[in-house]
């Protein structure tokens, strides 16, 4: 059995992935604040949730595209790994932060995943998971 010891290059790239995820987190917080402070006051909670989700997909796409442009994955597989890593971080943050800091119940948090009830947050997670691959693939085509 071989043990892979990360090189300085591996560690540097991992930190860049994490830094990009932190930027996505800040963009998401700003998007939520914009919803709560502006258009969310003038429409139903569900409509505001859905509009905010669409805006989030666009904004996060811009961040991910920029990341892939400047720090391209080494392969399709690597791009998929990055997307899954970011998705896992996002889900973990959402449940840990909003339960323990925000005081939301587990059932409240899980309700946000009920797409049949119009809760389309899961589309953001799917986008985060596939976007690095999508942008990497199109970057190679250009």
N, C-alpha and C. Protein backbone atom coordinates (compact mmCIF):
# COMPACT_ATOMS: atom_id res chain seq x y z
N UNK A 1 0.85 -1.18 0.00
CA UNK A 1 0.00 0.00 0.00
C UNK A 1 0.89 1.24 0.00
N UNK A 2 0.58 2.18 -0.86
CA UNK A 2 1.35 3.41 -0.96
C UNK A 2 0.59 4.54 -0.26
N UNK A 3 1.33 5.33 0.44
CA UNK A 3 0.73 6.50 1.09
C UNK A 3 1.16 7.73 0.30
N UNK A 4 0.16 8.51 -0.08
CA UNK A 4 0.45 9.73 -0.84
C UNK A 4 0.69 10.87 0.14
N UNK A 5 1.87 11.42 0.12
CA UNK A 5 2.19 12.58 0.95
C UNK A 5 2.04 13.81 0.06
N UNK A 6 1.12 14.71 0.43
CA UNK A 6 0.89 15.89 -0.42
C UNK A 6 2.15 16.73 -0.57
N UNK A 7 2.37 17.15 -1.80
CA UNK A 7 3.49 18.04 -2.05
C UNK A 7 3.06 19.47 -1.76
N UNK A 8 4.02 20.37 -1.78
CA UNK A 8 3.73 21.78 -1.58
C UNK A 8 2.74 22.27 -2.63
N UNK A 9 2.86 21.76 -3.85
CA UNK A 9 1.95 22.13 -4.94
C UNK A 9 0.53 21.70 -4.61
N UNK A 10 0.35 20.45 -4.10
CA UNK A 10 -0.98 19.95 -3.74
C UNK A 10 -1.61 20.82 -2.65
N UNK A 11 -0.83 21.16 -1.65
CA UNK A 11 -1.33 21.97 -0.55
C UNK A 11 -1.70 23.36 -1.04
N UNK A 12 -0.88 23.94 -1.89
CA UNK A 12 -1.16 25.27 -2.44
C UNK A 12 -2.46 25.27 -3.23
N UNK A 13 -2.68 24.23 -4.04
CA UNK A 13 -3.90 24.15 -4.83
C UNK A 13 -5.11 23.95 -3.91
N UNK A 14 -4.97 23.12 -2.89
CA UNK A 14 -6.07 22.90 -1.95
C UNK A 14 -6.46 24.19 -1.27
N UNK A 15 -5.50 25.00 -0.88
CA UNK A 15 -5.82 26.28 -0.25
C UNK A 15 -6.51 27.22 -1.24
N UNK A 16 -6.12 27.15 -2.50
CA UNK A 16 -6.79 27.98 -3.52
C UNK A 16 -8.24 27.54 -3.69
N UNK A 17 -8.49 26.24 -3.65
CA UNK A 17 -9.88 25.74 -3.72
C UNK A 17 -10.68 26.26 -2.53
N UNK A 18 -10.07 26.17 -1.36
CA UNK A 18 -10.77 26.63 -0.15
C UNK A 18 -11.00 28.14 -0.20
N UNK A 19 -10.03 28.89 -0.66
CA UNK A 19 -10.18 30.35 -0.78
C UNK A 19 -11.31 30.68 -1.76
N UNK A 20 -11.39 29.94 -2.86
CA UNK A 20 -12.48 30.17 -3.82
C UNK A 20 -13.82 29.87 -3.17
N UNK A 21 -13.88 28.81 -2.37
CA UNK A 21 -15.13 28.50 -1.67
C UNK A 21 -15.49 29.60 -0.68
N UNK A 22 -14.51 30.17 -0.01
CA UNK A 22 -14.78 31.29 0.91
C UNK A 22 -15.35 32.49 0.15
N UNK A 23 -14.84 32.75 -1.05
CA UNK A 23 -15.39 33.82 -1.88
C UNK A 23 -16.84 33.50 -2.22
N UNK A 24 -17.12 32.24 -2.56
CA UNK A 24 -18.50 31.84 -2.86
C UNK A 24 -19.39 32.02 -1.64
N UNK A 25 -18.85 31.72 -0.47
CA UNK A 25 -19.61 31.90 0.77
C UNK A 25 -19.95 33.38 0.98
N UNK A 26 -18.97 34.25 0.77
CA UNK A 26 -19.22 35.70 0.92
C UNK A 26 -20.25 36.20 -0.10
N UNK A 27 -20.14 35.73 -1.33
CA UNK A 27 -21.11 36.10 -2.37
C UNK A 27 -22.50 35.64 -1.96
N UNK A 28 -22.60 34.44 -1.41
CA UNK A 28 -23.89 33.90 -0.99
C UNK A 28 -24.49 34.69 0.17
N UNK A 29 -23.65 35.07 1.12
CA UNK A 29 -24.12 35.88 2.24
C UNK A 29 -24.61 37.24 1.74
N UNK A 30 -23.86 37.84 0.84
CA UNK A 30 -24.27 39.14 0.27
C UNK A 30 -25.58 39.00 -0.50
N UNK A 31 -25.73 37.91 -1.23
CA UNK A 31 -26.97 37.67 -1.97
C UNK A 31 -28.15 37.54 -1.00
N UNK A 32 -27.96 36.80 0.08
CA UNK A 32 -29.02 36.66 1.09
C UNK A 32 -29.37 37.98 1.74
N UNK A 33 -28.34 38.77 2.03
CA UNK A 33 -28.58 40.09 2.64
C UNK A 33 -29.33 41.00 1.67
N UNK A 34 -28.96 40.96 0.39
CA UNK A 34 -29.66 41.77 -0.61
C UNK A 34 -31.12 41.37 -0.70
N UNK A 35 -31.37 40.06 -0.65
CA UNK A 35 -32.76 39.58 -0.67
C UNK A 35 -33.52 40.11 0.54
N UNK A 36 -32.96 39.95 1.73
CA UNK A 36 -33.65 40.35 2.95
C UNK A 36 -33.84 41.85 3.06
N UNK A 37 -32.91 42.63 2.54
CA UNK A 37 -32.97 44.08 2.68
C UNK A 37 -33.68 44.80 1.54
N UNK A 38 -33.93 44.09 0.43
CA UNK A 38 -34.54 44.78 -0.71
C UNK A 38 -35.74 44.02 -1.25
N UNK A 39 -35.56 43.30 -2.33
CA UNK A 39 -36.70 42.72 -3.04
C UNK A 39 -37.50 41.72 -2.20
N UNK A 40 -36.88 41.11 -1.22
CA UNK A 40 -37.59 40.15 -0.36
C UNK A 40 -38.72 40.77 0.43
N UNK A 41 -38.65 42.07 0.64
CA UNK A 41 -39.71 42.78 1.37
C UNK A 41 -40.94 43.01 0.51
N UNK A 42 -40.80 42.87 -0.81
CA UNK A 42 -41.86 43.24 -1.74
C UNK A 42 -42.47 42.04 -2.46
N UNK A 43 -42.16 40.84 -2.02
CA UNK A 43 -42.73 39.65 -2.65
C UNK A 43 -42.87 38.56 -1.60
N UNK A 44 -43.55 37.50 -1.96
CA UNK A 44 -43.71 36.39 -1.02
C UNK A 44 -42.35 35.78 -0.69
N UNK A 45 -42.29 35.09 0.42
CA UNK A 45 -41.04 34.45 0.83
C UNK A 45 -40.61 33.43 -0.21
N UNK A 46 -41.57 32.68 -0.76
CA UNK A 46 -41.24 31.66 -1.77
C UNK A 46 -40.68 32.31 -3.04
N UNK A 47 -41.32 33.37 -3.52
CA UNK A 47 -40.82 34.05 -4.72
C UNK A 47 -39.43 34.63 -4.46
N UNK A 48 -39.22 35.20 -3.28
CA UNK A 48 -37.90 35.76 -2.94
C UNK A 48 -36.86 34.64 -2.89
N UNK A 49 -37.23 33.51 -2.32
CA UNK A 49 -36.32 32.35 -2.26
C UNK A 49 -35.93 31.91 -3.67
N UNK A 50 -36.91 31.81 -4.55
CA UNK A 50 -36.65 31.34 -5.90
C UNK A 50 -35.81 32.34 -6.70
N UNK A 51 -36.11 33.63 -6.56
CA UNK A 51 -35.32 34.65 -7.25
C UNK A 51 -33.89 34.66 -6.70
N UNK A 52 -33.76 34.57 -5.40
CA UNK A 52 -32.44 34.55 -4.77
C UNK A 52 -31.64 33.33 -5.24
N UNK A 53 -32.31 32.21 -5.41
CA UNK A 53 -31.64 31.00 -5.90
C UNK A 53 -31.11 31.22 -7.32
N UNK A 54 -31.93 31.81 -8.17
CA UNK A 54 -31.50 32.08 -9.55
C UNK A 54 -30.31 33.04 -9.56
N UNK A 55 -30.39 34.08 -8.75
CA UNK A 55 -29.28 35.05 -8.66
C UNK A 55 -28.02 34.35 -8.15
N UNK A 56 -28.19 33.48 -7.18
CA UNK A 56 -27.06 32.75 -6.62
C UNK A 56 -26.37 31.89 -7.68
N UNK A 57 -27.16 31.23 -8.50
CA UNK A 57 -26.59 30.38 -9.56
C UNK A 57 -25.74 31.22 -10.51
N UNK A 58 -26.24 32.40 -10.87
CA UNK A 58 -25.50 33.29 -11.78
C UNK A 58 -24.22 33.80 -11.11
N UNK A 59 -24.35 34.32 -9.89
CA UNK A 59 -23.18 34.89 -9.20
C UNK A 59 -22.12 33.83 -8.91
N UNK A 60 -22.56 32.67 -8.42
CA UNK A 60 -21.59 31.61 -8.14
C UNK A 60 -20.95 31.10 -9.43
N UNK A 61 -21.72 31.08 -10.50
CA UNK A 61 -21.15 30.71 -11.80
C UNK A 61 -20.03 31.65 -12.20
N UNK A 62 -20.21 32.93 -11.92
CA UNK A 62 -19.16 33.91 -12.26
C UNK A 62 -17.90 33.64 -11.43
N UNK A 63 -18.08 33.35 -10.14
CA UNK A 63 -16.93 33.07 -9.28
C UNK A 63 -16.22 31.80 -9.74
N UNK A 64 -16.99 30.75 -9.99
CA UNK A 64 -16.41 29.47 -10.39
C UNK A 64 -15.72 29.58 -11.74
N UNK A 65 -16.34 30.28 -12.67
CA UNK A 65 -15.72 30.47 -13.99
C UNK A 65 -14.37 31.18 -13.85
N UNK A 66 -14.32 32.21 -13.02
CA UNK A 66 -13.08 32.95 -12.79
C UNK A 66 -12.02 32.04 -12.18
N UNK A 67 -12.43 31.26 -11.19
CA UNK A 67 -11.48 30.33 -10.56
C UNK A 67 -10.92 29.36 -11.59
N UNK A 68 -11.79 28.75 -12.38
CA UNK A 68 -11.35 27.76 -13.38
C UNK A 68 -10.45 28.42 -14.43
N UNK A 69 -10.72 29.66 -14.72
CA UNK A 69 -9.89 30.37 -15.70
C UNK A 69 -8.47 30.58 -15.18
N UNK A 70 -8.35 31.00 -13.92
CA UNK A 70 -7.03 31.30 -13.37
C UNK A 70 -6.33 30.09 -12.76
N UNK A 71 -7.10 29.14 -12.26
CA UNK A 71 -6.53 27.93 -11.64
C UNK A 71 -7.24 26.70 -12.20
N UNK A 72 -7.01 26.41 -13.47
CA UNK A 72 -7.74 25.30 -14.09
C UNK A 72 -7.42 23.95 -13.43
N UNK A 73 -8.44 23.13 -13.31
CA UNK A 73 -8.19 21.77 -12.80
C UNK A 73 -7.25 21.04 -13.75
N UNK A 74 -6.62 20.01 -13.24
CA UNK A 74 -5.66 19.26 -14.06
C UNK A 74 -6.34 18.26 -14.99
N UNK A 75 -7.61 17.94 -14.72
CA UNK A 75 -8.33 16.96 -15.53
C UNK A 75 -9.84 17.09 -15.28
N UNK A 76 -10.61 16.37 -16.08
CA UNK A 76 -12.06 16.32 -15.84
C UNK A 76 -12.35 15.79 -14.45
N UNK A 77 -11.64 14.75 -14.09
CA UNK A 77 -11.82 14.13 -12.77
C UNK A 77 -11.52 15.12 -11.64
N UNK A 78 -10.48 15.89 -11.81
CA UNK A 78 -10.12 16.89 -10.81
C UNK A 78 -11.20 17.96 -10.71
N UNK A 79 -11.77 18.37 -11.85
CA UNK A 79 -12.84 19.37 -11.85
C UNK A 79 -14.06 18.84 -11.11
N UNK A 80 -14.39 17.58 -11.32
CA UNK A 80 -15.52 16.97 -10.62
C UNK A 80 -15.23 16.91 -9.12
N UNK A 81 -14.01 16.54 -8.76
CA UNK A 81 -13.62 16.49 -7.35
C UNK A 81 -13.77 17.86 -6.69
N UNK A 82 -13.32 18.90 -7.36
CA UNK A 82 -13.43 20.26 -6.81
C UNK A 82 -14.90 20.60 -6.56
N UNK A 83 -15.75 20.35 -7.54
CA UNK A 83 -17.18 20.65 -7.39
C UNK A 83 -17.81 19.89 -6.24
N UNK A 84 -17.47 18.62 -6.11
CA UNK A 84 -18.03 17.82 -5.01
C UNK A 84 -17.50 18.29 -3.65
N UNK A 85 -16.24 18.70 -3.64
CA UNK A 85 -15.64 19.22 -2.41
C UNK A 85 -16.36 20.51 -1.99
N UNK A 86 -16.59 21.42 -2.93
CA UNK A 86 -17.29 22.66 -2.62
C UNK A 86 -18.72 22.40 -2.18
N UNK A 87 -19.36 21.44 -2.81
CA UNK A 87 -20.74 21.10 -2.44
C UNK A 87 -20.79 20.57 -1.01
N UNK A 88 -19.87 19.69 -0.67
CA UNK A 88 -19.82 19.14 0.69
C UNK A 88 -19.56 20.25 1.72
N UNK A 89 -18.64 21.15 1.42
CA UNK A 89 -18.37 22.27 2.32
C UNK A 89 -19.62 23.14 2.50
N UNK A 90 -20.34 23.37 1.40
CA UNK A 90 -21.53 24.22 1.45
C UNK A 90 -22.62 23.57 2.30
N UNK A 91 -22.86 22.30 2.10
CA UNK A 91 -23.88 21.59 2.88
C UNK A 91 -23.49 21.57 4.36
N UNK A 92 -22.23 21.25 4.63
CA UNK A 92 -21.76 21.22 6.02
C UNK A 92 -21.92 22.58 6.66
N UNK A 93 -21.51 23.63 5.96
CA UNK A 93 -21.65 24.98 6.52
C UNK A 93 -23.11 25.30 6.78
N UNK A 94 -23.96 25.02 5.80
CA UNK A 94 -25.38 25.35 5.95
C UNK A 94 -25.98 24.69 7.19
N UNK A 95 -25.75 23.40 7.34
CA UNK A 95 -26.35 22.71 8.47
C UNK A 95 -25.72 23.09 9.80
N UNK A 96 -24.41 23.18 9.84
CA UNK A 96 -23.74 23.50 11.11
C UNK A 96 -24.01 24.94 11.52
N UNK A 97 -23.80 25.88 10.61
CA UNK A 97 -23.98 27.30 10.95
C UNK A 97 -25.44 27.62 11.27
N UNK A 98 -26.34 27.25 10.38
CA UNK A 98 -27.73 27.65 10.57
C UNK A 98 -28.43 26.89 11.69
N UNK A 99 -27.91 25.72 12.06
CA UNK A 99 -28.48 25.02 13.21
C UNK A 99 -27.91 25.56 14.52
N UNK A 100 -26.58 25.58 14.63
CA UNK A 100 -25.96 25.93 15.89
C UNK A 100 -25.85 27.44 16.13
N UNK A 101 -25.70 28.22 15.09
CA UNK A 101 -25.60 29.67 15.24
C UNK A 101 -26.95 30.33 14.97
N UNK A 102 -27.61 29.92 13.88
CA UNK A 102 -28.88 30.52 13.50
C UNK A 102 -30.07 30.01 14.28
N UNK A 103 -29.91 28.88 14.96
CA UNK A 103 -30.98 28.35 15.77
C UNK A 103 -32.10 27.64 15.02
N UNK A 104 -31.88 27.32 13.74
CA UNK A 104 -32.91 26.62 12.97
C UNK A 104 -32.92 25.14 13.33
N UNK A 105 -34.10 24.55 13.34
CA UNK A 105 -34.20 23.12 13.63
C UNK A 105 -33.72 22.32 12.42
N UNK A 106 -33.38 21.05 12.68
CA UNK A 106 -32.94 20.19 11.59
C UNK A 106 -34.05 20.03 10.56
N UNK A 107 -35.31 19.93 11.03
CA UNK A 107 -36.42 19.76 10.09
C UNK A 107 -36.62 21.01 9.23
N UNK A 108 -36.39 22.17 9.80
CA UNK A 108 -36.46 23.42 9.03
C UNK A 108 -35.39 23.43 7.93
N UNK A 109 -34.20 23.02 8.30
CA UNK A 109 -33.10 23.00 7.33
C UNK A 109 -33.36 21.98 6.23
N UNK A 110 -33.85 20.82 6.59
CA UNK A 110 -34.15 19.80 5.60
C UNK A 110 -35.30 20.22 4.68
N UNK A 111 -36.24 21.01 5.20
CA UNK A 111 -37.38 21.47 4.38
C UNK A 111 -36.90 22.31 3.20
N UNK A 112 -35.75 22.93 3.33
CA UNK A 112 -35.20 23.74 2.24
C UNK A 112 -34.80 22.89 1.04
N UNK A 113 -34.79 21.57 1.20
CA UNK A 113 -34.44 20.65 0.12
C UNK A 113 -35.66 20.04 -0.55
N UNK A 114 -36.86 20.49 -0.16
CA UNK A 114 -38.10 19.94 -0.72
C UNK A 114 -38.45 20.65 -2.01
N UNK A 115 -37.91 20.15 -3.10
CA UNK A 115 -38.12 20.78 -4.40
C UNK A 115 -39.59 20.72 -4.82
N UNK A 116 -40.32 19.71 -4.36
CA UNK A 116 -41.75 19.59 -4.70
C UNK A 116 -42.58 20.69 -4.05
N UNK A 117 -42.04 21.29 -3.00
CA UNK A 117 -42.72 22.40 -2.33
C UNK A 117 -42.23 23.75 -2.86
N UNK A 118 -41.45 23.73 -3.95
CA UNK A 118 -40.95 24.97 -4.54
C UNK A 118 -39.63 25.45 -3.98
N UNK A 119 -39.06 24.69 -3.06
CA UNK A 119 -37.77 25.05 -2.47
C UNK A 119 -36.67 24.57 -3.41
N UNK A 120 -36.10 25.46 -4.18
CA UNK A 120 -35.17 25.07 -5.25
C UNK A 120 -33.70 25.27 -4.89
N UNK A 121 -33.41 25.44 -3.60
CA UNK A 121 -32.04 25.61 -3.13
C UNK A 121 -31.13 24.49 -3.64
N UNK A 122 -31.66 23.29 -3.75
CA UNK A 122 -30.86 22.16 -4.19
C UNK A 122 -30.24 22.40 -5.57
N UNK A 123 -30.86 23.25 -6.38
CA UNK A 123 -30.29 23.58 -7.70
C UNK A 123 -28.95 24.30 -7.56
N UNK A 124 -28.82 25.11 -6.52
CA UNK A 124 -27.53 25.78 -6.26
C UNK A 124 -26.47 24.73 -5.96
N UNK A 125 -26.82 23.76 -5.13
CA UNK A 125 -25.86 22.71 -4.79
C UNK A 125 -25.48 21.89 -6.01
N UNK A 126 -26.45 21.57 -6.84
CA UNK A 126 -26.15 20.83 -8.08
C UNK A 126 -25.23 21.64 -8.99
N UNK A 127 -25.48 22.95 -9.08
CA UNK A 127 -24.65 23.83 -9.91
C UNK A 127 -23.22 23.89 -9.38
N UNK A 128 -23.09 24.04 -8.06
CA UNK A 128 -21.74 24.07 -7.47
C UNK A 128 -21.01 22.77 -7.77
N UNK A 129 -21.72 21.66 -7.74
CA UNK A 129 -21.10 20.35 -7.97
C UNK A 129 -20.60 20.19 -9.41
N UNK A 130 -21.38 20.70 -10.39
CA UNK A 130 -21.01 20.46 -11.80
C UNK A 130 -20.30 21.63 -12.47
N UNK A 131 -20.42 22.83 -11.94
CA UNK A 131 -19.88 24.02 -12.60
C UNK A 131 -18.38 23.95 -12.88
N UNK A 132 -17.54 23.48 -11.96
CA UNK A 132 -16.12 23.41 -12.30
C UNK A 132 -15.86 22.54 -13.53
N UNK A 133 -16.57 21.41 -13.62
CA UNK A 133 -16.42 20.55 -14.79
C UNK A 133 -16.93 21.25 -16.05
N UNK A 134 -18.09 21.90 -15.96
CA UNK A 134 -18.67 22.59 -17.12
C UNK A 134 -17.72 23.66 -17.64
N UNK A 135 -17.23 24.51 -16.75
CA UNK A 135 -16.33 25.58 -17.18
C UNK A 135 -14.98 25.05 -17.65
N UNK A 136 -14.49 24.00 -17.00
CA UNK A 136 -13.23 23.39 -17.43
C UNK A 136 -13.39 22.80 -18.83
N UNK A 137 -14.49 22.11 -19.05
CA UNK A 137 -14.77 21.49 -20.35
C UNK A 137 -14.85 22.56 -21.45
N UNK A 138 -15.61 23.63 -21.19
CA UNK A 138 -15.74 24.70 -22.21
C UNK A 138 -14.44 25.45 -22.41
N UNK A 139 -13.65 25.57 -21.36
CA UNK A 139 -12.34 26.25 -21.47
C UNK A 139 -11.43 25.47 -22.41
N UNK A 140 -11.49 24.15 -22.32
CA UNK A 140 -10.66 23.31 -23.20
C UNK A 140 -11.15 23.36 -24.64
N UNK A 141 -12.45 23.58 -24.83
CA UNK A 141 -13.02 23.63 -26.19
C UNK A 141 -12.64 24.91 -26.91
N UNK A 142 -12.41 25.98 -26.15
CA UNK A 142 -12.14 27.29 -26.76
C UNK A 142 -10.77 27.38 -27.39
